Amino acid sequence: MKVRSPEQMKAAEGELTGIIRTARQVDAMEDDNFAINQQDTIRERMAPVKKAIYGVGIFLTALALVVGGIGVMNIMFVSVRERTSEIGLRKAVGAKRRTIMLQFMIEAVVVCLLGGAIGVGITFGVSALINALGVPASLPFGTVVLAFGICVAVGLLFGLGPAWSAAKSEPIEALRYE
C-alpha cells in the first residue's frame, strides 16, 4: 500500500489494520494476528547488512587491484629485463632517465587500460544478459570513467618500480647484459 504523503501514514495504517482485522475475522478483544511493516523499518534493519556487503566488496576489490598490480609489475620487470640492452643503447646515445622512465610508465598504464577494457567489455556483456532475463541492470558512464581512472592509477603505482629500475641502469652494464 502506498500513501500520497507521510502525514497520511498513521491514518492509512489504522484503516489498513481495520480492513485486515475484518477480513481475518479477528474479534475486537483479540490481539492482531498479523503485522504491518513499513518500508523505513525494513530499510533500517537492512542497513547493517548493506554496510557489511559494501565492506566485503571494497575489501575484495582492493585485494584484486593489489594482485593485478603485482601482476602488472611482474610483466613490466620482465619487459625491462628483456630490453636491458636496448635501454643501455638508448642511454649510451644520450637518452635521459626521465624519458626511459616515462616509456615504461606509459607501457604499464597501457597494460592496465587493456585489462580495464576487457573487464568493462565483460561487464557490458553480463549486464546485457541480466537485462535479457528481465532484471534491470546498467553500467553508468561515470562508473566506466572511474574504472579507467583506477586502471591508470594502478598502472602508475605498480609501474613505478620497473620504470625506476630501467631508468637507473648504467649504460655499460646494460650493454653487457645478455
N, C-alpha and C. Protein backbone atom coordinates (compact mmCIF):
# COMPACT_ATOMS: atom_id res chain seq x y z
N MET A 1 0.85 -1.16 0.00
CA MET A 1 0.00 0.00 0.00
C MET A 1 0.90 1.23 0.00
N LYS A 2 0.46 2.25 -0.70
CA LYS A 2 1.25 3.47 -0.81
C LYS A 2 0.38 4.67 -0.46
N VAL A 3 0.91 5.57 0.37
CA VAL A 3 0.17 6.78 0.73
C VAL A 3 0.72 7.96 -0.06
N ARG A 4 -0.11 8.96 -0.22
CA ARG A 4 0.31 10.12 -1.02
C ARG A 4 1.31 11.01 -0.29
N SER A 5 1.17 11.11 1.03
CA SER A 5 2.08 11.95 1.80
C SER A 5 2.37 11.29 3.14
N PRO A 6 3.53 11.58 3.72
CA PRO A 6 3.89 10.97 5.01
C PRO A 6 2.91 11.30 6.15
N GLU A 7 2.22 12.42 6.05
CA GLU A 7 1.26 12.81 7.08
C GLU A 7 0.09 11.84 7.15
N GLN A 8 -0.21 11.17 6.06
CA GLN A 8 -1.34 10.25 6.00
C GLN A 8 -0.98 8.84 6.46
N MET A 9 0.27 8.62 6.83
CA MET A 9 0.74 7.27 7.15
C MET A 9 -0.02 6.68 8.34
N LYS A 10 -0.15 7.43 9.41
CA LYS A 10 -0.80 6.90 10.62
C LYS A 10 -2.26 6.54 10.34
N ALA A 11 -2.97 7.43 9.64
CA ALA A 11 -4.38 7.16 9.32
C ALA A 11 -4.50 5.95 8.40
N ALA A 12 -3.61 5.85 7.43
CA ALA A 12 -3.64 4.72 6.50
C ALA A 12 -3.35 3.41 7.22
N GLU A 13 -2.44 3.46 8.19
CA GLU A 13 -2.11 2.25 8.95
C GLU A 13 -3.32 1.80 9.77
N GLY A 14 -4.01 2.74 10.39
CA GLY A 14 -5.22 2.41 11.16
C GLY A 14 -6.31 1.84 10.27
N GLU A 15 -6.51 2.44 9.12
CA GLU A 15 -7.52 1.97 8.16
C GLU A 15 -7.17 0.56 7.68
N LEU A 16 -5.92 0.34 7.35
CA LEU A 16 -5.47 -0.97 6.88
C LEU A 16 -5.60 -2.03 7.97
N THR A 17 -5.30 -1.67 9.20
CA THR A 17 -5.47 -2.59 10.32
C THR A 17 -6.93 -3.02 10.45
N GLY A 18 -7.83 -2.07 10.34
CA GLY A 18 -9.27 -2.38 10.42
C GLY A 18 -9.71 -3.30 9.30
N ILE A 19 -9.24 -3.04 8.09
CA ILE A 19 -9.62 -3.86 6.94
C ILE A 19 -9.11 -5.28 7.10
N ILE A 20 -7.87 -5.44 7.54
CA ILE A 20 -7.28 -6.78 7.68
C ILE A 20 -7.95 -7.53 8.84
N ARG A 21 -8.23 -6.81 9.94
CA ARG A 21 -8.91 -7.47 11.07
C ARG A 21 -10.28 -7.98 10.64
N THR A 22 -10.99 -7.20 9.83
CA THR A 22 -12.30 -7.62 9.34
C THR A 22 -12.16 -8.81 8.41
N ALA A 23 -11.20 -8.76 7.49
CA ALA A 23 -11.01 -9.86 6.54
C ALA A 23 -10.60 -11.15 7.24
N ARG A 24 -9.87 -11.05 8.33
CA ARG A 24 -9.41 -12.24 9.07
C ARG A 24 -10.38 -12.62 10.20
N GLN A 25 -11.41 -11.85 10.35
CA GLN A 25 -12.44 -12.08 11.37
C GLN A 25 -11.84 -12.15 12.78
N VAL A 26 -11.01 -11.15 13.08
CA VAL A 26 -10.40 -11.05 14.41
C VAL A 26 -11.36 -10.28 15.31
N ASP A 27 -11.67 -10.85 16.48
CA ASP A 27 -12.59 -10.23 17.43
C ASP A 27 -11.95 -8.95 17.99
N ALA A 28 -12.77 -8.01 18.40
CA ALA A 28 -12.29 -6.73 18.90
C ALA A 28 -11.43 -6.88 20.16
N MET A 29 -11.63 -7.92 20.93
CA MET A 29 -10.89 -8.14 22.17
C MET A 29 -9.59 -8.92 21.94
N GLU A 30 -9.41 -9.47 20.75
CA GLU A 30 -8.21 -10.27 20.45
C GLU A 30 -7.09 -9.37 19.93
N ASP A 31 -5.87 -9.88 20.10
CA ASP A 31 -4.71 -9.18 19.53
C ASP A 31 -4.65 -9.45 18.03
N ASP A 32 -3.95 -8.56 17.33
CA ASP A 32 -3.77 -8.75 15.89
C ASP A 32 -2.96 -10.03 15.63
N ASN A 33 -3.36 -10.78 14.62
CA ASN A 33 -2.59 -11.97 14.24
C ASN A 33 -1.81 -11.72 12.94
N PHE A 34 -1.42 -10.47 12.78
CA PHE A 34 -0.67 -10.04 11.60
C PHE A 34 0.16 -8.83 11.98
N ALA A 35 1.03 -8.43 11.11
CA ALA A 35 1.86 -7.24 11.35
C ALA A 35 1.89 -6.40 10.08
N ILE A 36 1.93 -5.12 10.27
CA ILE A 36 2.05 -4.18 9.15
C ILE A 36 3.48 -3.64 9.17
N ASN A 37 4.19 -3.91 8.14
CA ASN A 37 5.58 -3.48 8.04
C ASN A 37 5.67 -2.23 7.17
N GLN A 38 6.51 -1.31 7.62
CA GLN A 38 6.74 -0.11 6.82
C GLN A 38 8.11 -0.20 6.16
N GLN A 39 8.22 0.43 5.04
CA GLN A 39 9.46 0.37 4.27
C GLN A 39 10.65 0.93 5.06
N ASP A 40 10.43 1.97 5.84
CA ASP A 40 11.51 2.55 6.64
C ASP A 40 12.07 1.56 7.65
N THR A 41 11.19 0.77 8.25
CA THR A 41 11.62 -0.23 9.22
C THR A 41 12.50 -1.29 8.55
N ILE A 42 12.07 -1.72 7.39
CA ILE A 42 12.84 -2.73 6.65
C ILE A 42 14.20 -2.16 6.25
N ARG A 43 14.21 -0.91 5.80
CA ARG A 43 15.47 -0.26 5.43
C ARG A 43 16.42 -0.17 6.62
N GLU A 44 15.89 0.18 7.78
CA GLU A 44 16.72 0.28 8.98
C GLU A 44 17.31 -1.07 9.36
N ARG A 45 16.53 -2.12 9.22
CA ARG A 45 17.02 -3.46 9.56
C ARG A 45 18.05 -3.96 8.55
N MET A 46 17.93 -3.53 7.31
CA MET A 46 18.84 -3.99 6.27
C MET A 46 20.11 -3.15 6.19
N ALA A 47 20.15 -1.99 6.82
CA ALA A 47 21.31 -1.09 6.74
C ALA A 47 22.61 -1.76 7.19
N PRO A 48 22.64 -2.47 8.33
CA PRO A 48 23.90 -3.12 8.72
C PRO A 48 24.35 -4.20 7.73
N VAL A 49 23.38 -4.92 7.18
CA VAL A 49 23.72 -5.95 6.19
C VAL A 49 24.29 -5.31 4.94
N LYS A 50 23.68 -4.22 4.54
CA LYS A 50 24.15 -3.49 3.36
C LYS A 50 25.56 -2.97 3.56
N LYS A 51 25.84 -2.42 4.76
CA LYS A 51 27.18 -1.92 5.06
C LYS A 51 28.20 -3.04 5.06
N ALA A 52 27.83 -4.19 5.59
CA ALA A 52 28.74 -5.34 5.62
C ALA A 52 29.05 -5.81 4.20
N ILE A 53 28.03 -5.87 3.35
CA ILE A 53 28.24 -6.29 1.96
C ILE A 53 29.14 -5.29 1.25
N TYR A 54 28.92 -4.00 1.46
CA TYR A 54 29.78 -2.98 0.85
C TYR A 54 31.22 -3.12 1.34
N GLY A 55 31.38 -3.36 2.64
CA GLY A 55 32.73 -3.51 3.20
C GLY A 55 33.47 -4.70 2.59
N VAL A 56 32.78 -5.82 2.48
CA VAL A 56 33.39 -7.01 1.88
C VAL A 56 33.71 -6.74 0.41
N GLY A 57 32.80 -6.07 -0.28
CA GLY A 57 33.04 -5.74 -1.69
C GLY A 57 34.25 -4.85 -1.88
N ILE A 58 34.39 -3.85 -1.02
CA ILE A 58 35.53 -2.95 -1.12
C ILE A 58 36.83 -3.69 -0.81
N PHE A 59 36.80 -4.56 0.21
CA PHE A 59 37.99 -5.34 0.55
C PHE A 59 38.40 -6.25 -0.61
N LEU A 60 37.44 -6.94 -1.20
CA LEU A 60 37.76 -7.84 -2.32
C LEU A 60 38.25 -7.07 -3.54
N THR A 61 37.67 -5.91 -3.78
CA THR A 61 38.11 -5.08 -4.90
C THR A 61 39.55 -4.60 -4.67
N ALA A 62 39.84 -4.15 -3.46
CA ALA A 62 41.20 -3.70 -3.15
C ALA A 62 42.19 -4.84 -3.28
N LEU A 63 41.81 -6.02 -2.82
CA LEU A 63 42.68 -7.19 -2.93
C LEU A 63 42.93 -7.54 -4.40
N ALA A 64 41.88 -7.49 -5.21
CA ALA A 64 42.04 -7.77 -6.64
C ALA A 64 42.93 -6.74 -7.31
N LEU A 65 42.81 -5.48 -6.92
CA LEU A 65 43.66 -4.43 -7.51
C LEU A 65 45.13 -4.65 -7.13
N VAL A 66 45.38 -5.04 -5.89
CA VAL A 66 46.76 -5.29 -5.47
C VAL A 66 47.34 -6.48 -6.22
N VAL A 67 46.57 -7.56 -6.33
CA VAL A 67 47.04 -8.74 -7.05
C VAL A 67 47.27 -8.41 -8.52
N GLY A 68 46.33 -7.68 -9.12
CA GLY A 68 46.51 -7.26 -10.51
C GLY A 68 47.70 -6.35 -10.69
N GLY A 69 47.89 -5.44 -9.73
CA GLY A 69 49.04 -4.53 -9.79
C GLY A 69 50.36 -5.28 -9.70
N ILE A 70 50.41 -6.30 -8.85
CA ILE A 70 51.62 -7.10 -8.74
C ILE A 70 51.88 -7.84 -10.05
N GLY A 71 50.81 -8.32 -10.68
CA GLY A 71 50.96 -8.96 -11.99
C GLY A 71 51.51 -8.00 -13.03
N VAL A 72 50.99 -6.79 -13.05
CA VAL A 72 51.49 -5.77 -13.99
C VAL A 72 52.95 -5.46 -13.69
N MET A 73 53.31 -5.35 -12.41
CA MET A 73 54.69 -5.07 -12.04
C MET A 73 55.61 -6.19 -12.53
N ASN A 74 55.18 -7.43 -12.37
CA ASN A 74 56.00 -8.56 -12.85
C ASN A 74 56.16 -8.52 -14.36
N ILE A 75 55.08 -8.23 -15.07
CA ILE A 75 55.15 -8.12 -16.53
C ILE A 75 56.15 -7.03 -16.93
N MET A 76 56.09 -5.91 -16.23
CA MET A 76 56.98 -4.80 -16.56
C MET A 76 58.43 -5.11 -16.20
N PHE A 77 58.68 -5.81 -15.09
CA PHE A 77 60.05 -6.20 -14.76
C PHE A 77 60.61 -7.15 -15.82
N VAL A 78 59.79 -8.06 -16.32
CA VAL A 78 60.23 -8.96 -17.39
C VAL A 78 60.53 -8.14 -18.65
N SER A 79 59.67 -7.17 -18.95
CA SER A 79 59.89 -6.32 -20.12
C SER A 79 61.20 -5.54 -19.99
N VAL A 80 61.49 -5.03 -18.80
CA VAL A 80 62.74 -4.31 -18.57
C VAL A 80 63.93 -5.25 -18.77
N ARG A 81 63.85 -6.45 -18.21
CA ARG A 81 64.96 -7.43 -18.35
C ARG A 81 65.18 -7.83 -19.80
N GLU A 82 64.09 -8.02 -20.55
CA GLU A 82 64.22 -8.42 -21.95
C GLU A 82 64.83 -7.31 -22.80
N ARG A 83 64.65 -6.07 -22.40
CA ARG A 83 65.11 -4.95 -23.21
C ARG A 83 66.26 -4.20 -22.56
N THR A 84 67.00 -4.88 -21.70
CA THR A 84 68.11 -4.24 -21.00
C THR A 84 69.14 -3.68 -21.97
N SER A 85 69.49 -4.45 -23.00
CA SER A 85 70.50 -3.94 -23.95
C SER A 85 69.96 -2.74 -24.73
N GLU A 86 68.67 -2.74 -25.04
CA GLU A 86 68.06 -1.59 -25.72
C GLU A 86 68.12 -0.36 -24.83
N ILE A 87 67.85 -0.54 -23.55
CA ILE A 87 67.91 0.57 -22.59
C ILE A 87 69.34 1.10 -22.52
N GLY A 88 70.32 0.19 -22.45
CA GLY A 88 71.73 0.60 -22.42
C GLY A 88 72.12 1.38 -23.65
N LEU A 89 71.67 0.91 -24.82
CA LEU A 89 71.99 1.61 -26.07
C LEU A 89 71.37 3.00 -26.08
N ARG A 90 70.12 3.10 -25.67
CA ARG A 90 69.46 4.41 -25.62
C ARG A 90 70.17 5.36 -24.66
N LYS A 91 70.58 4.85 -23.52
CA LYS A 91 71.28 5.70 -22.55
C LYS A 91 72.67 6.09 -23.08
N ALA A 92 73.31 5.17 -23.81
CA ALA A 92 74.65 5.47 -24.35
C ALA A 92 74.59 6.58 -25.39
N VAL A 93 73.49 6.67 -26.13
CA VAL A 93 73.38 7.73 -27.14
C VAL A 93 72.70 8.99 -26.59
N GLY A 94 72.46 9.04 -25.27
CA GLY A 94 72.01 10.30 -24.68
C GLY A 94 70.59 10.34 -24.13
N ALA A 95 69.91 9.23 -24.08
CA ALA A 95 68.54 9.26 -23.53
C ALA A 95 68.60 9.58 -22.04
N LYS A 96 67.70 10.40 -21.59
CA LYS A 96 67.66 10.80 -20.19
C LYS A 96 66.85 9.79 -19.38
N ARG A 97 67.11 9.78 -18.08
CA ARG A 97 66.39 8.87 -17.18
C ARG A 97 64.89 9.06 -17.28
N ARG A 98 64.46 10.32 -17.32
CA ARG A 98 63.01 10.57 -17.32
C ARG A 98 62.33 10.05 -18.58
N THR A 99 63.02 10.07 -19.74
CA THR A 99 62.37 9.56 -20.95
C THR A 99 62.24 8.04 -20.90
N ILE A 100 63.25 7.36 -20.36
CA ILE A 100 63.17 5.90 -20.22
C ILE A 100 62.10 5.56 -19.18
N MET A 101 62.09 6.30 -18.10
CA MET A 101 61.09 6.06 -17.07
C MET A 101 59.69 6.32 -17.62
N LEU A 102 59.51 7.38 -18.37
CA LEU A 102 58.21 7.71 -18.96
C LEU A 102 57.75 6.61 -19.91
N GLN A 103 58.67 6.06 -20.70
CA GLN A 103 58.33 4.99 -21.63
C GLN A 103 57.74 3.79 -20.89
N PHE A 104 58.39 3.36 -19.81
CA PHE A 104 57.92 2.19 -19.08
C PHE A 104 56.66 2.50 -18.27
N MET A 105 56.53 3.72 -17.81
CA MET A 105 55.30 4.10 -17.10
C MET A 105 54.11 4.07 -18.06
N ILE A 106 54.31 4.58 -19.27
CA ILE A 106 53.24 4.56 -20.27
C ILE A 106 52.87 3.12 -20.61
N GLU A 107 53.87 2.26 -20.76
CA GLU A 107 53.60 0.85 -21.06
C GLU A 107 52.79 0.20 -19.93
N ALA A 108 53.13 0.49 -18.68
CA ALA A 108 52.39 -0.08 -17.55
C ALA A 108 50.94 0.40 -17.55
N VAL A 109 50.73 1.68 -17.83
CA VAL A 109 49.37 2.23 -17.89
C VAL A 109 48.59 1.58 -19.03
N VAL A 110 49.23 1.40 -20.18
CA VAL A 110 48.55 0.77 -21.33
C VAL A 110 48.15 -0.67 -21.00
N VAL A 111 49.03 -1.41 -20.32
CA VAL A 111 48.69 -2.78 -19.91
C VAL A 111 47.47 -2.77 -19.00
N CYS A 112 47.43 -1.84 -18.05
CA CYS A 112 46.29 -1.75 -17.14
C CYS A 112 45.02 -1.32 -17.87
N LEU A 113 45.14 -0.39 -18.80
CA LEU A 113 43.97 0.05 -19.56
C LEU A 113 43.42 -1.08 -20.43
N LEU A 114 44.30 -1.92 -20.98
CA LEU A 114 43.82 -3.07 -21.75
C LEU A 114 43.05 -4.03 -20.85
N GLY A 115 43.57 -4.28 -19.66
CA GLY A 115 42.85 -5.11 -18.70
C GLY A 115 41.51 -4.49 -18.31
N GLY A 116 41.49 -3.19 -18.11
CA GLY A 116 40.25 -2.49 -17.79
C GLY A 116 39.24 -2.57 -18.92
N ALA A 117 39.72 -2.44 -20.16
CA ALA A 117 38.82 -2.54 -21.31
C ALA A 117 38.20 -3.93 -21.40
N ILE A 118 38.99 -4.95 -21.13
CA ILE A 118 38.45 -6.32 -21.13
C ILE A 118 37.40 -6.46 -20.03
N GLY A 119 37.69 -5.94 -18.84
CA GLY A 119 36.74 -6.00 -17.73
C GLY A 119 35.45 -5.26 -18.01
N VAL A 120 35.54 -4.07 -18.60
CA VAL A 120 34.34 -3.30 -18.93
C VAL A 120 33.55 -4.02 -20.02
N GLY A 121 34.25 -4.60 -20.99
CA GLY A 121 33.56 -5.36 -22.05
C GLY A 121 32.79 -6.55 -21.48
N ILE A 122 33.42 -7.28 -20.58
CA ILE A 122 32.74 -8.41 -19.94
C ILE A 122 31.54 -7.92 -19.13
N THR A 123 31.71 -6.80 -18.44
CA THR A 123 30.62 -6.25 -17.63
C THR A 123 29.45 -5.82 -18.50
N PHE A 124 29.72 -5.21 -19.65
CA PHE A 124 28.64 -4.84 -20.56
C PHE A 124 27.89 -6.09 -21.02
N GLY A 125 28.63 -7.16 -21.35
CA GLY A 125 28.01 -8.40 -21.77
C GLY A 125 27.14 -9.01 -20.69
N VAL A 126 27.66 -9.07 -19.47
CA VAL A 126 26.89 -9.63 -18.35
C VAL A 126 25.67 -8.77 -18.06
N SER A 127 25.83 -7.45 -18.15
CA SER A 127 24.72 -6.54 -17.92
C SER A 127 23.61 -6.76 -18.96
N ALA A 128 24.00 -6.94 -20.22
CA ALA A 128 23.01 -7.21 -21.28
C ALA A 128 22.31 -8.54 -21.03
N LEU A 129 23.06 -9.54 -20.58
CA LEU A 129 22.48 -10.85 -20.28
C LEU A 129 21.47 -10.75 -19.13
N ILE A 130 21.83 -10.01 -18.10
CA ILE A 130 20.92 -9.83 -16.96
C ILE A 130 19.67 -9.08 -17.40
N ASN A 131 19.83 -8.06 -18.25
CA ASN A 131 18.67 -7.33 -18.77
C ASN A 131 17.77 -8.24 -19.59
N ALA A 132 18.38 -9.16 -20.35
CA ALA A 132 17.60 -10.09 -21.17
C ALA A 132 16.78 -11.03 -20.29
N LEU A 133 17.24 -11.29 -19.08
CA LEU A 133 16.50 -12.15 -18.15
C LEU A 133 15.37 -11.40 -17.45
N GLY A 134 15.28 -10.10 -17.71
CA GLY A 134 14.19 -9.31 -17.15
C GLY A 134 14.53 -8.56 -15.87
N VAL A 135 15.77 -8.63 -15.45
CA VAL A 135 16.19 -7.90 -14.25
C VAL A 135 16.94 -6.65 -14.71
N PRO A 136 16.52 -5.47 -14.27
CA PRO A 136 17.20 -4.27 -14.75
C PRO A 136 18.64 -4.18 -14.22
N ALA A 137 19.57 -3.98 -15.12
CA ALA A 137 20.98 -3.80 -14.77
C ALA A 137 21.57 -2.78 -15.73
N SER A 138 22.47 -1.96 -15.22
CA SER A 138 23.09 -0.95 -16.08
C SER A 138 24.52 -0.72 -15.64
N LEU A 139 25.29 -0.13 -16.52
CA LEU A 139 26.66 0.26 -16.22
C LEU A 139 26.79 1.74 -16.59
N PRO A 140 26.63 2.62 -15.60
CA PRO A 140 26.67 4.05 -15.88
C PRO A 140 28.02 4.50 -16.43
N PHE A 141 28.00 5.54 -17.25
CA PHE A 141 29.21 6.07 -17.86
C PHE A 141 30.21 6.52 -16.80
N GLY A 142 29.71 7.11 -15.73
CA GLY A 142 30.58 7.56 -14.64
C GLY A 142 31.36 6.41 -14.01
N THR A 143 30.73 5.26 -13.92
CA THR A 143 31.40 4.08 -13.37
C THR A 143 32.51 3.61 -14.29
N VAL A 144 32.26 3.66 -15.60
CA VAL A 144 33.27 3.26 -16.58
C VAL A 144 34.47 4.21 -16.51
N VAL A 145 34.20 5.51 -16.42
CA VAL A 145 35.28 6.50 -16.30
C VAL A 145 36.08 6.26 -15.02
N LEU A 146 35.39 6.00 -13.91
CA LEU A 146 36.05 5.71 -12.65
C LEU A 146 36.93 4.45 -12.77
N ALA A 147 36.41 3.43 -13.44
CA ALA A 147 37.18 2.19 -13.61
C ALA A 147 38.47 2.45 -14.39
N PHE A 148 38.38 3.22 -15.47
CA PHE A 148 39.59 3.51 -16.25
C PHE A 148 40.54 4.43 -15.47
N GLY A 149 40.00 5.31 -14.66
CA GLY A 149 40.85 6.14 -13.80
C GLY A 149 41.63 5.29 -12.80
N ILE A 150 40.95 4.30 -12.23
CA ILE A 150 41.62 3.39 -11.30
C ILE A 150 42.67 2.57 -12.05
N CYS A 151 42.39 2.17 -13.28
CA CYS A 151 43.37 1.44 -14.09
C CYS A 151 44.63 2.27 -14.29
N VAL A 152 44.46 3.55 -14.59
CA VAL A 152 45.61 4.43 -14.78
C VAL A 152 46.40 4.55 -13.47
N ALA A 153 45.69 4.71 -12.35
CA ALA A 153 46.36 4.83 -11.05
C ALA A 153 47.15 3.56 -10.71
N VAL A 154 46.56 2.40 -10.96
CA VAL A 154 47.25 1.13 -10.69
C VAL A 154 48.48 1.01 -11.59
N GLY A 155 48.34 1.38 -12.86
CA GLY A 155 49.48 1.34 -13.78
C GLY A 155 50.61 2.25 -13.34
N LEU A 156 50.26 3.44 -12.89
CA LEU A 156 51.29 4.38 -12.43
C LEU A 156 51.96 3.89 -11.15
N LEU A 157 51.15 3.41 -10.22
CA LEU A 157 51.68 2.97 -8.93
C LEU A 157 52.57 1.73 -9.07
N PHE A 158 52.08 0.73 -9.77
CA PHE A 158 52.83 -0.52 -9.85
C PHE A 158 53.84 -0.53 -11.01
N GLY A 159 53.79 0.45 -11.88
CA GLY A 159 54.78 0.56 -12.94
C GLY A 159 55.99 1.38 -12.53
N LEU A 160 55.88 2.04 -11.39
CA LEU A 160 56.95 2.91 -10.94
C LEU A 160 58.24 2.14 -10.64
N GLY A 161 58.14 1.01 -9.97
CA GLY A 161 59.33 0.21 -9.63
C GLY A 161 60.09 -0.25 -10.87
N PRO A 162 59.43 -0.92 -11.81
CA PRO A 162 60.14 -1.35 -13.02
C PRO A 162 60.68 -0.17 -13.84
N ALA A 163 59.92 0.91 -13.92
CA ALA A 163 60.38 2.08 -14.69
C ALA A 163 61.62 2.68 -14.03
N TRP A 164 61.61 2.76 -12.71
CA TRP A 164 62.77 3.29 -11.99
C TRP A 164 63.97 2.38 -12.19
N SER A 165 63.75 1.09 -12.15
CA SER A 165 64.82 0.12 -12.36
C SER A 165 65.46 0.30 -13.75
N ALA A 166 64.61 0.50 -14.75
CA ALA A 166 65.11 0.70 -16.11
C ALA A 166 65.86 2.03 -16.23
N ALA A 167 65.33 3.06 -15.61
CA ALA A 167 65.92 4.39 -15.74
C ALA A 167 67.26 4.52 -15.02
N LYS A 168 67.46 3.80 -13.94
CA LYS A 168 68.70 3.95 -13.18
C LYS A 168 69.80 3.00 -13.64
N SER A 169 69.51 2.13 -14.59
CA SER A 169 70.54 1.19 -15.05
C SER A 169 71.70 1.94 -15.72
N GLU A 170 72.89 1.42 -15.53
CA GLU A 170 74.09 2.03 -16.11
C GLU A 170 74.24 1.55 -17.56
N PRO A 171 74.57 2.45 -18.48
CA PRO A 171 74.64 2.09 -19.90
C PRO A 171 75.63 0.97 -20.19
N ILE A 172 76.79 1.00 -19.60
CA ILE A 172 77.83 -0.01 -19.89
C ILE A 172 77.38 -1.38 -19.40
N GLU A 173 76.85 -1.44 -18.17
CA GLU A 173 76.35 -2.70 -17.62
C GLU A 173 75.18 -3.22 -18.44
N ALA A 174 74.29 -2.34 -18.89
CA ALA A 174 73.13 -2.74 -19.65
C ALA A 174 73.54 -3.28 -21.03
N LEU A 175 74.58 -2.67 -21.63
CA LEU A 175 75.02 -3.15 -22.94
C LEU A 175 75.69 -4.51 -22.82
N ARG A 176 76.31 -4.83 -21.71
CA ARG A 176 76.94 -6.13 -21.49
C ARG A 176 75.94 -7.24 -21.23
N TYR A 177 74.73 -6.87 -20.77
CA TYR A 177 73.73 -7.86 -20.37
C TYR A 177 73.27 -8.67 -21.57
N GLU A 178 73.16 -9.97 -21.39
CA GLU A 178 72.63 -10.84 -22.46
C GLU A 178 71.52 -11.68 -21.96
